[in-house]
PDB file of N, CA and C in Angstrom:
ATOM      1  N   UNK A   1       0.847  -1.173   0.000  1.00  0.00           N
ATOM      2  CA  UNK A   1       0.000   0.000   0.000  1.00  0.00           C
ATOM      3  C   UNK A   1       0.894   1.238   0.000  1.00  0.00           C
ATOM      4  N   UNK A   2       0.478   2.217  -0.766  1.00  0.00           N
ATOM      5  CA  UNK A   2       1.237   3.460  -0.881  1.00  0.00           C
ATOM      6  C   UNK A   2       0.398   4.581  -0.292  1.00  0.00           C
ATOM      7  N   UNK A   3       0.965   5.355   0.620  1.00  0.00           N
ATOM      8  CA  UNK A   3       0.266   6.459   1.254  1.00  0.00           C
ATOM      9  C   UNK A   3       0.885   7.756   0.762  1.00  0.00           C
ATOM     10  N   UNK A   4       0.079   8.593   0.122  1.00  0.00           N
ATOM     11  CA  UNK A   4       0.560   9.860  -0.424  1.00  0.00           C
ATOM     12  C   UNK A   4      -0.202  10.995   0.243  1.00  0.00           C
ATOM     13  N   UNK A   5       0.533  11.919   0.828  1.00  0.00           N
ATOM     14  CA  UNK A   5      -0.078  13.092   1.440  1.00  0.00           C
ATOM     15  C   UNK A   5      -0.123  14.179   0.389  1.00  0.00           C
ATOM     16  N   UNK A   6      -1.330  14.580  -0.009  1.00  0.00           N
ATOM     17  CA  UNK A   6      -1.462  15.517  -1.128  1.00  0.00           C
ATOM     18  C   UNK A   6      -1.498  16.981  -0.715  1.00  0.00           C
ATOM     19  N   UNK A   7      -1.653  17.280   0.555  1.00  0.00           N
ATOM     20  CA  UNK A   7      -1.751  18.688   0.928  1.00  0.00           C
ATOM     21  C   UNK A   7      -0.401  19.312   1.220  1.00  0.00           C
ATOM     22  N   UNK A   8       0.688  18.560   1.083  1.00  0.00           N
ATOM     23  CA  UNK A   8       2.006  19.121   1.280  1.00  0.00           C
ATOM     24  C   UNK A   8       2.567  19.542  -0.070  1.00  0.00           C
ATOM     25  N   UNK A   9       3.266  20.664  -0.080  1.00  0.00           N
ATOM     26  CA  UNK A   9       3.784  21.182  -1.334  1.00  0.00           C
ATOM     27  C   UNK A   9       4.878  20.281  -1.916  1.00  0.00           C
ATOM     28  N   UNK A  10       5.761  19.797  -1.086  1.00  0.00           N
ATOM     29  CA  UNK A  10       6.876  19.003  -1.560  1.00  0.00           C
ATOM     30  C   UNK A  10       7.058  17.793  -0.660  1.00  0.00           C
ATOM     31  N   UNK A  11       7.770  16.819  -1.196  1.00  0.00           N
ATOM     32  CA  UNK A  11       8.068  15.609  -0.432  1.00  0.00           C
ATOM     33  C   UNK A  11       8.898  15.964   0.791  1.00  0.00           C
ATOM     34  N   UNK A  12       8.618  15.306   1.887  1.00  0.00           N
ATOM     35  CA  UNK A  12       9.420  15.496   3.092  1.00  0.00           C
ATOM     36  C   UNK A  12      10.715  14.685   3.008  1.00  0.00           C
ATOM     37  N   UNK A  13      10.637  13.535   2.368  1.00  0.00           N
ATOM     38  CA  UNK A  13      11.803  12.663   2.209  1.00  0.00           C
ATOM     39  C   UNK A  13      12.282  12.744   0.764  1.00  0.00           C
ATOM     40  N   UNK A  14      13.304  13.540   0.504  1.00  0.00           N
ATOM     41  CA  UNK A  14      13.750  13.722  -0.876  1.00  0.00           C
ATOM     42  C   UNK A  14      14.065  12.396  -1.552  1.00  0.00           C
ATOM     43  N   UNK A  15      13.584  12.248  -2.776  1.00  0.00           N
ATOM     44  CA  UNK A  15      13.880  11.073  -3.588  1.00  0.00           C
ATOM     45  C   UNK A  15      14.015  11.544  -5.030  1.00  0.00           C
ATOM     46  N   UNK A  16      15.247  11.618  -5.477  1.00  0.00           N
ATOM     47  CA  UNK A  16      15.528  12.108  -6.826  1.00  0.00           C
ATOM     48  C   UNK A  16      15.018  11.097  -7.845  1.00  0.00           C
ATOM     49  N   UNK A  17      14.266  11.598  -8.822  1.00  0.00           N
ATOM     50  CA  UNK A  17      13.799  10.783  -9.939  1.00  0.00           C
ATOM     51  C   UNK A  17      14.757  11.064 -11.095  1.00  0.00           C
ATOM     52  N   UNK A  18      15.675  10.137 -11.379  1.00  0.00           N
ATOM     53  CA  UNK A  18      16.696  10.422 -12.402  1.00  0.00           C
ATOM     54  C   UNK A  18      16.117  10.694 -13.783  1.00  0.00           C
ATOM     55  N   UNK A  19      15.002  10.079 -14.109  1.00  0.00           N
ATOM     56  CA  UNK A  19      14.394  10.314 -15.426  1.00  0.00           C
ATOM     57  C   UNK A  19      13.841  11.734 -15.500  1.00  0.00           C
ATOM     58  N   UNK A  20      13.184  12.168 -14.448  1.00  0.00           N
ATOM     59  CA  UNK A  20      12.634  13.527 -14.397  1.00  0.00           C
ATOM     60  C   UNK A  20      13.754  14.566 -14.383  1.00  0.00           C
ATOM     61  N   UNK A  21      14.795  14.306 -13.619  1.00  0.00           N
ATOM     62  CA  UNK A  21      15.943  15.219 -13.567  1.00  0.00           C
ATOM     63  C   UNK A  21      16.603  15.309 -14.942  1.00  0.00           C
ATOM     64  N   UNK A  22      16.828  14.166 -15.572  1.00  0.00           N
ATOM     65  CA  UNK A  22      17.473  14.151 -16.890  1.00  0.00           C
ATOM     66  C   UNK A  22      16.639  14.939 -17.912  1.00  0.00           C
ATOM     67  N   UNK A  23      15.334  14.738 -17.896  1.00  0.00           N
ATOM     68  CA  UNK A  23      14.460  15.465 -18.819  1.00  0.00           C
ATOM     69  C   UNK A  23      14.509  16.963 -18.588  1.00  0.00           C
ATOM     70  N   UNK A  24      14.523  17.370 -17.332  1.00  0.00           N
ATOM     71  CA  UNK A  24      14.577  18.793 -16.987  1.00  0.00           C
ATOM     72  C   UNK A  24      15.897  19.406 -17.440  1.00  0.00           C
ATOM     73  N   UNK A  25      16.978  18.699 -17.220  1.00  0.00           N
ATOM     74  CA  UNK A  25      18.294  19.193 -17.633  1.00  0.00           C
ATOM     75  C   UNK A  25      18.381  19.277 -19.158  1.00  0.00           C
ATOM     76  N   UNK A  26      17.885  18.251 -19.835  1.00  0.00           N
ATOM     77  CA  UNK A  26      17.892  18.270 -21.305  1.00  0.00           C
ATOM     78  C   UNK A  26      17.115  19.460 -21.839  1.00  0.00           C
ATOM     79  N   UNK A  27      15.942  19.688 -21.289  1.00  0.00           N
ATOM     80  CA  UNK A  27      15.102  20.795 -21.759  1.00  0.00           C
ATOM     81  C   UNK A  27      15.837  22.122 -21.633  1.00  0.00           C
ATOM     82  N   UNK A  28      16.474  22.337 -20.509  1.00  0.00           N
ATOM     83  CA  UNK A  28      17.197  23.593 -20.302  1.00  0.00           C
ATOM     84  C   UNK A  28      18.419  23.697 -21.209  1.00  0.00           C
ATOM     85  N   UNK A  29      19.088  22.589 -21.450  1.00  0.00           N
ATOM     86  CA  UNK A  29      20.243  22.597 -22.359  1.00  0.00           C
ATOM     87  C   UNK A  29      19.800  22.906 -23.788  1.00  0.00           C
ATOM     88  N   UNK A  30      18.704  22.293 -24.213  1.00  0.00           N
ATOM     89  CA  UNK A  30      18.193  22.545 -25.561  1.00  0.00           C
ATOM     90  C   UNK A  30      17.760  23.993 -25.726  1.00  0.00           C
ATOM     91  N   UNK A  31      17.099  24.539 -24.708  1.00  0.00           N
ATOM     92  CA  UNK A  31      16.687  25.938 -24.789  1.00  0.00           C
ATOM     93  C   UNK A  31      17.907  26.838 -24.922  1.00  0.00           C
ATOM     94  N   UNK A  32      18.944  26.564 -24.154  1.00  0.00           N
ATOM     95  CA  UNK A  32      20.166  27.360 -24.248  1.00  0.00           C
ATOM     96  C   UNK A  32      20.742  27.270 -25.660  1.00  0.00           C
ATOM     97  N   UNK A  33      20.780  26.062 -26.232  1.00  0.00           N
ATOM     98  CA  UNK A  33      21.298  25.896 -27.589  1.00  0.00           C
ATOM     99  C   UNK A  33      20.509  26.727 -28.597  1.00  0.00           C
ATOM    100  N   UNK A  34      19.201  26.753 -28.431  1.00  0.00           N
ATOM    101  CA  UNK A  34      18.361  27.556 -29.328  1.00  0.00           C
ATOM    102  C   UNK A  34      18.621  29.048 -29.132  1.00  0.00           C
ATOM    103  N   UNK A  35      18.737  29.470 -27.891  1.00  0.00           N
ATOM    104  CA  UNK A  35      18.910  30.895 -27.602  1.00  0.00           C
ATOM    105  C   UNK A  35      20.253  31.444 -28.070  1.00  0.00           C
ATOM    106  N   UNK A  36      21.298  30.641 -27.953  1.00  0.00           N
ATOM    107  CA  UNK A  36      22.619  31.129 -28.359  1.00  0.00           C
ATOM    108  C   UNK A  36      22.922  30.829 -29.825  1.00  0.00           C
ATOM    109  N   UNK A  37      22.017  30.129 -30.493  1.00  0.00           N
ATOM    110  CA  UNK A  37      22.180  29.882 -31.916  1.00  0.00           C
ATOM    111  C   UNK A  37      22.996  28.655 -32.285  1.00  0.00           C
ATOM    112  N   UNK A  38      23.281  27.779 -31.297  1.00  0.00           N
ATOM    113  CA  UNK A  38      24.000  26.546 -31.621  1.00  0.00           C
ATOM    114  C   UNK A  38      23.166  25.660 -32.540  1.00  0.00           C
ATOM    115  N   UNK A  39      21.858  25.725 -32.356  1.00  0.00           N
ATOM    116  CA  UNK A  39      20.920  25.063 -33.260  1.00  0.00           C
ATOM    117  C   UNK A  39      19.891  26.111 -33.654  1.00  0.00           C
ATOM    118  N   UNK A  40      19.330  25.941 -34.827  1.00  0.00           N
ATOM    119  CA  UNK A  40      18.383  26.946 -35.308  1.00  0.00           C
ATOM    120  C   UNK A  40      16.928  26.552 -35.107  1.00  0.00           C
ATOM    121  N   UNK A  41      16.655  25.243 -35.045  1.00  0.00           N
ATOM    122  CA  UNK A  41      15.269  24.795 -34.943  1.00  0.00           C
ATOM    123  C   UNK A  41      15.132  23.609 -33.987  1.00  0.00           C
ATOM    124  N   UNK A  42      13.906  23.413 -33.554  1.00  0.00           N
ATOM    125  CA  UNK A  42      13.588  22.243 -32.735  1.00  0.00           C
ATOM    126  C   UNK A  42      13.780  20.979 -33.568  1.00  0.00           C
ATOM    127  N   UNK A  43      13.459  21.067 -34.830  1.00  0.00           N
ATOM    128  CA  UNK A  43      13.642  19.921 -35.729  1.00  0.00           C
ATOM    129  C   UNK A  43      15.096  19.466 -35.746  1.00  0.00           C
ATOM    130  N   UNK A  44      16.013  20.424 -35.737  1.00  0.00           N
ATOM    131  CA  UNK A  44      17.440  20.102 -35.732  1.00  0.00           C
ATOM    132  C   UNK A  44      17.800  19.292 -34.479  1.00  0.00           C
ATOM    133  N   UNK A  45      17.252  19.682 -33.345  1.00  0.00           N
ATOM    134  CA  UNK A  45      17.484  18.944 -32.104  1.00  0.00           C
ATOM    135  C   UNK A  45      16.892  17.538 -32.216  1.00  0.00           C
ATOM    136  N   UNK A  46      15.668  17.453 -32.720  1.00  0.00           N
ATOM    137  CA  UNK A  46      14.987  16.168 -32.846  1.00  0.00           C
ATOM    138  C   UNK A  46      15.778  15.205 -33.731  1.00  0.00           C
ATOM    139  N   UNK A  47      16.284  15.697 -34.853  1.00  0.00           N
ATOM    140  CA  UNK A  47      17.060  14.852 -35.759  1.00  0.00           C
ATOM    141  C   UNK A  47      18.334  14.388 -35.064  1.00  0.00           C
ATOM    142  N   UNK A  48      19.026  15.309 -34.429  1.00  0.00           N
ATOM    143  CA  UNK A  48      20.281  14.974 -33.749  1.00  0.00           C
ATOM    144  C   UNK A  48      20.064  13.942 -32.645  1.00  0.00           C
ATOM    145  N   UNK A  49      18.982  14.124 -31.887  1.00  0.00           N
ATOM    146  CA  UNK A  49      18.709  13.246 -30.747  1.00  0.00           C
ATOM    147  C   UNK A  49      17.949  11.982 -31.140  1.00  0.00           C
ATOM    148  N   UNK A  50      17.554  11.909 -32.402  1.00  0.00           N
ATOM    149  CA  UNK A  50      16.759  10.779 -32.907  1.00  0.00           C
ATOM    150  C   UNK A  50      15.449  10.638 -32.119  1.00  0.00           C
ATOM    151  N   UNK A  51      14.783  11.776 -31.963  1.00  0.00           N
ATOM    152  CA  UNK A  51      13.508  11.842 -31.261  1.00  0.00           C
ATOM    153  C   UNK A  51      12.471  12.491 -32.161  1.00  0.00           C
ATOM    154  N   UNK A  52      11.224  12.248 -31.864  1.00  0.00           N
ATOM    155  CA  UNK A  52      10.145  12.889 -32.604  1.00  0.00           C
ATOM    156  C   UNK A  52      10.130  14.376 -32.240  1.00  0.00           C
ATOM    157  N   UNK A  53       9.913  15.210 -33.220  1.00  0.00           N
ATOM    158  CA  UNK A  53       9.913  16.663 -32.992  1.00  0.00           C
ATOM    159  C   UNK A  53       8.879  17.075 -31.950  1.00  0.00           C
ATOM    160  N   UNK A  54       7.716  16.447 -31.970  1.00  0.00           N
ATOM    161  CA  UNK A  54       6.674  16.786 -30.991  1.00  0.00           C
ATOM    162  C   UNK A  54       7.144  16.501 -29.563  1.00  0.00           C
ATOM    163  N   UNK A  55       7.856  15.392 -29.377  1.00  0.00           N
ATOM    164  CA  UNK A  55       8.386  15.051 -28.057  1.00  0.00           C
ATOM    165  C   UNK A  55       9.380  16.119 -27.600  1.00  0.00           C
ATOM    166  N   UNK A  56      10.262  16.532 -28.483  1.00  0.00           N
ATOM    167  CA  UNK A  56      11.251  17.560 -28.137  1.00  0.00           C
ATOM    168  C   UNK A  56      10.543  18.856 -27.745  1.00  0.00           C
ATOM    169  N   UNK A  57       9.515  19.233 -28.502  1.00  0.00           N
ATOM    170  CA  UNK A  57       8.765  20.455 -28.178  1.00  0.00           C
ATOM    171  C   UNK A  57       8.126  20.361 -26.797  1.00  0.00           C
ATOM    172  N   UNK A  58       7.529  19.210 -26.498  1.00  0.00           N
ATOM    173  CA  UNK A  58       6.885  19.039 -25.195  1.00  0.00           C
ATOM    174  C   UNK A  58       7.911  19.020 -24.068  1.00  0.00           C
ATOM    175  N   UNK A  59       9.049  18.378 -24.298  1.00  0.00           N
ATOM    176  CA  UNK A  59      10.090  18.343 -23.277  1.00  0.00           C
ATOM    177  C   UNK A  59      10.648  19.738 -23.038  1.00  0.00           C
ATOM    178  N   UNK A  60      10.744  20.523 -24.088  1.00  0.00           N
ATOM    179  CA  UNK A  60      11.244  21.900 -23.959  1.00  0.00           C
ATOM    180  C   UNK A  60      10.395  22.737 -23.005  1.00  0.00           C
ATOM    181  N   UNK A  61       9.131  22.382 -22.851  1.00  0.00           N
ATOM    182  CA  UNK A  61       8.266  23.121 -21.924  1.00  0.00           C
ATOM    183  C   UNK A  61       8.821  23.079 -20.496  1.00  0.00           C
ATOM    184  N   UNK A  62       9.574  22.035 -20.164  1.00  0.00           N
ATOM    185  CA  UNK A  62      10.139  21.930 -18.816  1.00  0.00           C
ATOM    186  C   UNK A  62      11.147  23.036 -18.531  1.00  0.00           C
ATOM    187  N   UNK A  63      11.704  23.627 -19.569  1.00  0.00           N
ATOM    188  CA  UNK A  63      12.639  24.736 -19.382  1.00  0.00           C
ATOM    189  C   UNK A  63      11.918  25.983 -18.878  1.00  0.00           C
ATOM    190  N   UNK A  64      10.583  25.970 -18.926  1.00  0.00           N
ATOM    191  CA  UNK A  64       9.799  27.125 -18.506  1.00  0.00           C
ATOM    192  C   UNK A  64       9.026  26.872 -17.224  1.00  0.00           C
ATOM    193  N   UNK A  65       9.432  25.845 -16.478  1.00  0.00           N
ATOM    194  CA  UNK A  65       8.818  25.600 -15.180  1.00  0.00           C
ATOM    195  C   UNK A  65       9.237  26.692 -14.203  1.00  0.00           C
ATOM    196  N   UNK A  66       8.391  26.948 -13.221  1.00  0.00           N
ATOM    197  CA  UNK A  66       8.741  27.902 -12.174  1.00  0.00           C
ATOM    198  C   UNK A  66      10.061  27.459 -11.534  1.00  0.00           C
ATOM    199  N   UNK A  67      10.914  28.398 -11.190  1.00  0.00           N
ATOM    200  CA  UNK A  67      12.216  28.036 -10.614  1.00  0.00           C
ATOM    201  C   UNK A  67      12.101  27.131  -9.375  1.00  0.00           C
ATOM    202  N   UNK A  68      11.103  27.374  -8.534  1.00  0.00           N
ATOM    203  CA  UNK A  68      10.982  26.532  -7.334  1.00  0.00           C
ATOM    204  C   UNK A  68      10.565  25.103  -7.687  1.00  0.00           C
ATOM    205  N   UNK A  69       9.813  24.930  -8.767  1.00  0.00           N
ATOM    206  CA  UNK A  69       9.446  23.583  -9.212  1.00  0.00           C
ATOM    207  C   UNK A  69      10.684  22.878  -9.756  1.00  0.00           C
ATOM    208  N   UNK A  70      11.452  23.571 -10.574  1.00  0.00           N
ATOM    209  CA  UNK A  70      12.689  22.999 -11.109  1.00  0.00           C
ATOM    210  C   UNK A  70      13.629  22.616  -9.976  1.00  0.00           C
ATOM    211  N   UNK A  71      13.776  23.485  -8.995  1.00  0.00           N
ATOM    212  CA  UNK A  71      14.647  23.211  -7.855  1.00  0.00           C
ATOM    213  C   UNK A  71      14.162  21.986  -7.084  1.00  0.00           C
ATOM    214  N   UNK A  72      12.855  21.885  -6.891  1.00  0.00           N
ATOM    215  CA  UNK A  72      12.292  20.727  -6.183  1.00  0.00           C
ATOM    216  C   UNK A  72      12.588  19.435  -6.943  1.00  0.00           C
ATOM    217  N   UNK A  73      12.466  19.468  -8.271  1.00  0.00           N
ATOM    218  CA  UNK A  73      12.758  18.285  -9.090  1.00  0.00           C
ATOM    219  C   UNK A  73      14.220  17.889  -8.947  1.00  0.00           C
ATOM    220  N   UNK A  74      15.116  18.854  -9.048  1.00  0.00           N
ATOM    221  CA  UNK A  74      16.547  18.561  -8.969  1.00  0.00           C
ATOM    222  C   UNK A  74      16.958  18.068  -7.588  1.00  0.00           C
ATOM    223  N   UNK A  75      16.253  18.541  -6.552  1.00  0.00           N
ATOM    224  CA  UNK A  75      16.548  18.135  -5.170  1.00  0.00           C
ATOM    225  C   UNK A  75      15.815  16.863  -4.752  1.00  0.00           C
ATOM    226  N   UNK A  76      14.891  16.392  -5.597  1.00  0.00           N
ATOM    227  CA  UNK A  76      14.123  15.200  -5.252  1.00  0.00           C
ATOM    228  C   UNK A  76      12.955  15.480  -4.328  1.00  0.00           C
ATOM    229  N   UNK A  77      12.499  16.727  -4.280  1.00  0.00           N
ATOM    230  CA  UNK A  77      11.385  17.111  -3.408  1.00  0.00           C
ATOM    231  C   UNK A  77      10.081  17.300  -4.169  1.00  0.00           C
ATOM    232  N   UNK A  78      10.018  16.820  -5.413  1.00  0.00           N
ATOM    233  CA  UNK A  78       8.809  16.936  -6.213  1.00  0.00           C
ATOM    234  C   UNK A  78       7.731  16.025  -5.624  1.00  0.00           C
ATOM    235  N   UNK A  79       6.463  16.287  -5.958  1.00  0.00           N
ATOM    236  CA  UNK A  79       5.416  15.356  -5.517  1.00  0.00           C
ATOM    237  C   UNK A  79       5.743  13.942  -5.995  1.00  0.00           C
ATOM    238  N   UNK A  80       5.444  12.984  -5.171  1.00  0.00           N
ATOM    239  CA  UNK A  80       5.803  11.593  -5.451  1.00  0.00           C
ATOM    240  C   UNK A  80       5.234  11.090  -6.774  1.00  0.00           C
ATOM    241  N   UNK A  81       4.063  11.603  -7.147  1.00  0.00           N
ATOM    242  CA  UNK A  81       3.415  11.112  -8.365  1.00  0.00           C
ATOM    243  C   UNK A  81       3.758  11.925  -9.611  1.00  0.00           C
ATOM    244  N   UNK A  82       4.702  12.850  -9.521  1.00  0.00           N
ATOM    245  CA  UNK A  82       5.104  13.666 -10.668  1.00  0.00           C
ATOM    246  C   UNK A  82       6.120  12.899 -11.510  1.00  0.00           C
ATOM    247  N   UNK A  83       5.717  12.520 -12.718  1.00  0.00           N
ATOM    248  CA  UNK A  83       6.571  11.734 -13.612  1.00  0.00           C
ATOM    249  C   UNK A  83       6.833  12.486 -14.907  1.00  0.00           C
ATOM    250  N   UNK A  84       8.001  12.268 -15.484  1.00  0.00           N
ATOM    251  CA  UNK A  84       8.337  12.912 -16.752  1.00  0.00           C
ATOM    252  C   UNK A  84       7.313  12.561 -17.824  1.00  0.00           C
ATOM    253  N   UNK A  85       6.933  11.314 -17.891  1.00  0.00           N
ATOM    254  CA  UNK A  85       5.973  10.865 -18.895  1.00  0.00           C
ATOM    255  C   UNK A  85       4.668  11.664 -18.811  1.00  0.00           C
ATOM    256  N   UNK A  86       4.206  11.922 -17.604  1.00  0.00           N
ATOM    257  CA  UNK A  86       2.969  12.689 -17.440  1.00  0.00           C
ATOM    258  C   UNK A  86       3.146  14.130 -17.915  1.00  0.00           C
ATOM    259  N   UNK A  87       4.310  14.710 -17.653  1.00  0.00           N
ATOM    260  CA  UNK A  87       4.555  16.095 -18.069  1.00  0.00           C
ATOM    261  C   UNK A  87       4.643  16.216 -19.583  1.00  0.00           C
ATOM    262  N   UNK A  88       5.245  15.227 -20.222  1.00  0.00           N
ATOM    263  CA  UNK A  88       5.444  15.288 -21.667  1.00  0.00           C
ATOM    264  C   UNK A  88       4.200  14.836 -22.423  1.00  0.00           C
ATOM    265  N   UNK A  89       3.530  13.824 -21.922  1.00  0.00           N
ATOM    266  CA  UNK A  89       2.392  13.256 -22.641  1.00  0.00           C
ATOM    267  C   UNK A  89       1.050  13.818 -22.160  1.00  0.00           C
ATOM    268  N   UNK A  90       1.042  14.472 -21.018  1.00  0.00           N
ATOM    269  CA  UNK A  90      -0.200  14.992 -20.462  1.00  0.00           C
ATOM    270  C   UNK A  90      -0.604  16.314 -21.085  1.00  0.00           C
ATOM    271  N   UNK A  91      -1.457  17.029 -20.370  1.00  0.00           N
ATOM    272  CA  UNK A  91      -1.909  18.310 -20.895  1.00  0.00           C
ATOM    273  C   UNK A  91      -0.768  19.313 -20.923  1.00  0.00           C
ATOM    274  N   UNK A  92      -0.885  20.277 -21.820  1.00  0.00           N
ATOM    275  CA  UNK A  92       0.150  21.298 -21.994  1.00  0.00           C
ATOM    276  C   UNK A  92       0.341  22.064 -20.685  1.00  0.00           C
ATOM    277  N   UNK A  93       1.589  22.294 -20.344  1.00  0.00           N
ATOM    278  CA  UNK A  93       1.883  23.033 -19.118  1.00  0.00           C
ATOM    279  C   UNK A  93       1.562  24.515 -19.308  1.00  0.00           C
ATOM    280  N   UNK A  94       0.887  25.106 -18.341  1.00  0.00           N
ATOM    281  CA  UNK A  94       0.635  26.547 -18.440  1.00  0.00           C
ATOM    282  C   UNK A  94       1.948  27.326 -18.276  1.00  0.00           C
ATOM    283  N   UNK A  95       2.000  28.506 -18.851  1.00  0.00           N
ATOM    284  CA  UNK A  95       3.195  29.339 -18.694  1.00  0.00           C
ATOM    285  C   UNK A  95       3.176  30.094 -17.367  1.00  0.00           C
ATOM    286  N   UNK A  96       2.007  30.295 -16.816  1.00  0.00           N
ATOM    287  CA  UNK A  96       1.866  30.990 -15.537  1.00  0.00           C
ATOM    288  C   UNK A  96       2.342  30.069 -14.408  1.00  0.00           C
ATOM    289  N   UNK A  97       3.298  30.552 -13.622  1.00  0.00           N
ATOM    290  CA  UNK A  97       3.892  29.716 -12.587  1.00  0.00           C
ATOM    291  C   UNK A  97       2.898  29.301 -11.507  1.00  0.00           C
ATOM    292  N   UNK A  98       1.992  30.173 -11.127  1.00  0.00           N
ATOM    293  CA  UNK A  98       1.012  29.795 -10.104  1.00  0.00           C
ATOM    294  C   UNK A  98       0.079  28.705 -10.642  1.00  0.00           C
ATOM    295  N   UNK A  99      -0.263  28.766 -11.920  1.00  0.00           N
ATOM    296  CA  UNK A  99      -1.085  27.718 -12.526  1.00  0.00           C
ATOM    297  C   UNK A  99      -0.306  26.400 -12.622  1.00  0.00           C
ATOM    298  N   UNK A 100       1.001  26.484 -12.872  1.00  0.00           N
ATOM    299  CA  UNK A 100       1.824  25.279 -12.886  1.00  0.00           C
ATOM    300  C   UNK A 100       1.778  24.600 -11.513  1.00  0.00           C
ATOM    301  N   UNK A 101       1.921  25.408 -10.462  1.00  0.00           N
ATOM    302  CA  UNK A 101       1.904  24.851  -9.104  1.00  0.00           C
ATOM    303  C   UNK A 101       0.583  24.160  -8.810  1.00  0.00           C
ATOM    304  N   UNK A 102      -0.518  24.756  -9.250  1.00  0.00           N
ATOM    305  CA  UNK A 102      -1.833  24.136  -9.040  1.00  0.00           C
ATOM    306  C   UNK A 102      -1.962  22.847  -9.827  1.00  0.00           C
ATOM    307  N   UNK A 103      -1.575  22.866 -11.094  1.00  0.00           N
ATOM    308  CA  UNK A 103      -1.680  21.697 -11.954  1.00  0.00           C
ATOM    309  C   UNK A 103      -0.842  20.531 -11.428  1.00  0.00           C
ATOM    310  N   UNK A 104       0.366  20.856 -10.940  1.00  0.00           N
ATOM    311  CA  UNK A 104       1.292  19.836 -10.474  1.00  0.00           C
ATOM    312  C   UNK A 104       1.136  19.553  -8.985  1.00  0.00           C
ATOM    313  N   UNK A 105       0.130  20.174  -8.371  1.00  0.00           N
ATOM    314  CA  UNK A 105      -0.156  19.995  -6.945  1.00  0.00           C
ATOM    315  C   UNK A 105       1.009  20.430  -6.057  1.00  0.00           C
ATOM    316  N   UNK A 106       1.590  21.545  -6.439  1.00  0.00           N
ATOM    317  CA  UNK A 106       2.650  22.165  -5.656  1.00  0.00           C
ATOM    318  C   UNK A 106       2.150  23.547  -5.285  1.00  0.00           C
ATOM    319  N   UNK A 107       1.317  23.607  -4.274  1.00  0.00           N
ATOM    320  CA  UNK A 107       0.668  24.871  -3.902  1.00  0.00           C
ATOM    321  C   UNK A 107       1.293  25.438  -2.655  1.00  0.00           C
TER     322      UNK A 107
END
């Protein structure tokens, strides 16, 4: 049986999710490459990484997470049920940080 406390903003017992951390780091690295001109398009990243362009676009959204959410992910304090697959395959992440916190149950 798994007991999850949903009214807490972050996990009390940090547990780093390496897949979520890797996705977050990749998204930020790709955004930097686009901003500094190392790559010109998302398609270029997708071809290089051998990934579907839509997946790369969705993963790139993680580069726009609220800083405290990103920090929680890197520290392993994200909600226990927050998975990379859900972020990439689920509904589009809002750009508003307060809406992100509500959607991801980090209030």
